[in-house]
Protein backbone atom coordinates (compact mmCIF):
# COMPACT_ATOMS: atom_id res chain seq x y z
CA MET A 1 0.04 -0.05 0.03
CA GLU A 2 1.22 3.56 -0.85
CA ASN A 3 0.37 6.90 0.58
CA SER A 4 1.11 9.86 -1.44
CA LEU A 5 0.24 13.46 -1.30
CA GLN A 6 -0.36 15.59 -4.36
CA GLY A 7 -1.31 19.06 -3.34
CA LYS A 8 -4.16 18.99 -0.83
CA ILE A 9 -5.09 15.54 -1.83
CA GLN A 10 -4.10 12.43 0.01
CA LEU A 11 -3.97 8.98 -1.97
CA LEU A 12 -4.20 5.62 -0.54
CA ASN A 13 -3.15 3.09 -3.37
CA TRP A 14 -4.53 -0.24 -1.99
CA ASN A 15 -3.05 -2.95 -4.25
CA LYS A 16 -4.56 -6.26 -3.15
CA ASP A 17 -7.96 -7.79 -2.90
CA VAL A 18 -9.53 -7.40 0.65
CA THR A 19 -10.52 -10.75 2.26
CA LEU A 20 -10.85 -11.86 5.84
CA LYS A 21 -7.11 -12.31 6.00
CA ASN A 22 -6.33 -8.66 5.42
CA VAL A 23 -9.38 -6.63 6.19
CA ASP A 24 -7.89 -5.40 9.58
CA GLU A 25 -5.05 -4.16 7.70
CA PHE A 26 -7.27 -2.34 5.09
CA ARG A 27 -9.16 -0.80 8.00
CA VAL A 28 -6.11 0.61 9.60
CA ALA A 29 -4.84 2.01 6.28
CA ILE A 30 -8.24 3.68 5.66
CA LEU A 31 -8.34 5.15 9.18
CA LYS A 32 -4.97 6.60 8.50
CA LEU A 33 -5.92 8.18 5.19
CA ILE A 34 -8.89 9.84 7.06
CA GLU A 35 -6.73 11.18 9.78
CA SER A 36 -4.47 12.86 7.42
CA ASP A 37 -4.41 16.87 7.18
CA SER A 38 -5.85 16.60 3.62
CA ALA A 39 -9.52 17.46 2.85
CA GLY A 40 -9.37 15.51 -0.51
CA LEU A 41 -8.94 11.77 0.11
CA ILE A 42 -8.66 9.12 -2.77
CA LEU A 43 -8.85 5.39 -2.31
CA GLU A 44 -7.29 3.87 -5.36
CA LEU A 45 -8.26 0.34 -6.18
CA THR A 46 -6.69 -0.13 -9.44
CA ASP A 47 -5.12 -3.54 -8.53
CA VAL A 48 -8.21 -4.79 -6.57
CA ALA A 49 -10.52 -7.29 -8.23
CA TYR A 50 -12.40 -8.42 -4.95
CA LEU A 51 -13.68 -6.80 -1.92
CA ASN A 52 -15.46 -8.68 0.91
CA SER A 53 -18.49 -7.41 2.69
CA ALA A 54 -16.30 -6.32 5.54
CA ALA A 55 -14.37 -4.24 3.32
CA LEU A 56 -17.45 -2.54 2.04
CA GLY A 57 -18.43 -1.78 5.53
CA VAL A 58 -15.09 -0.12 6.05
CA ILE A 59 -15.33 1.95 3.04
CA ALA A 60 -18.79 3.06 3.85
CA ASP A 61 -17.88 3.92 7.56
CA ALA A 62 -14.70 5.89 6.27
CA VAL A 63 -16.81 7.83 3.77
CA LEU A 64 -19.15 8.97 6.58
CA ALA A 65 -16.36 9.51 9.03
CA ALA A 66 -14.52 11.64 6.42
CA GLY A 67 -17.55 13.71 5.89
CA ARG A 68 -17.95 14.40 9.71
CA LYS A 69 -14.43 15.86 9.51
CA GLY A 70 -15.32 18.16 6.51
CA LYS A 71 -13.40 15.84 4.14
CA GLU A 72 -14.36 14.01 1.04
CA LEU A 73 -13.24 10.46 0.44
CA VAL A 74 -13.59 9.28 -3.40
CA ILE A 75 -12.71 5.99 -5.00
CA ALA A 76 -10.60 5.76 -8.20
CA GLY A 77 -9.32 3.01 -10.46
CA VAL A 78 -12.22 0.83 -9.85
CA GLN A 79 -12.03 -2.51 -12.04
CA SER A 80 -15.19 -3.92 -13.67
CA THR A 81 -15.47 -6.65 -10.93
CA VAL A 82 -15.33 -4.31 -7.98
CA ASN A 83 -17.58 -1.72 -9.98
CA GLU A 84 -20.36 -4.61 -10.06
CA ILE A 85 -20.12 -4.94 -6.33
CA PHE A 86 -20.53 -1.23 -5.89
CA GLU A 87 -23.45 -1.05 -8.21
CA ILE A 88 -25.22 -3.84 -6.24
CA VAL A 89 -24.80 -1.95 -2.98
CA HIS A 90 -25.49 1.40 -4.56
CA PHE A 91 -22.22 2.98 -3.57
CA SER A 92 -22.49 5.60 -6.16
CA THR A 93 -25.29 7.17 -3.88
CA LEU A 94 -22.81 7.45 -0.98
CA MET A 95 -19.54 8.59 -2.72
CA LYS A 96 -18.01 9.61 -5.94
CA ILE A 97 -16.46 6.53 -7.99
CA PHE A 98 -14.01 7.29 -10.76
CA THR A 99 -12.69 4.73 -13.26
CA GLU A 100 -9.60 6.77 -13.90
CA LEU A 101 -7.36 8.14 -11.00
CA ASN A 102 -6.86 11.34 -12.77
CA ASP A 103 -10.55 12.04 -12.84
CA ALA A 104 -10.53 11.76 -9.01
CA TYR A 105 -7.77 14.31 -8.76
CA ASP A 106 -9.72 16.75 -11.20
CA TYR A 107 -12.90 16.35 -9.18
CA LEU A 108 -11.27 17.00 -5.86
CA ASN A 109 -9.28 19.96 -7.29
CA GLY A 110 -12.54 21.40 -8.55
CA ALA A 111 -11.66 21.05 -12.23
CA ALA A 112 -14.68 18.72 -12.86
CA GLU A 113 -17.96 18.37 -11.52
């Protein structure tokens, strides 16, 4: 996992599927992302093909926690398999989801609506 900062936006690049074996590690990484000083937060899932239900709960909780702190968490780099999961649980009503990382940066920087 990689954390990087570009301007006022903090990125967490999560690069493996989330299963029972690593959901706690995923939760800790997400919490660190939310605790950063940045108002714009991106969870990049480019290399992720599977998220279990616990991971979905972690993401949903993180979006709400970020909002309570005046921050916005968006998801970028969504593969088709993960996008199907997000569609089933209607995640697009809870957060912004982008196929391309650059689109997420543009959105958080105010370049795109």
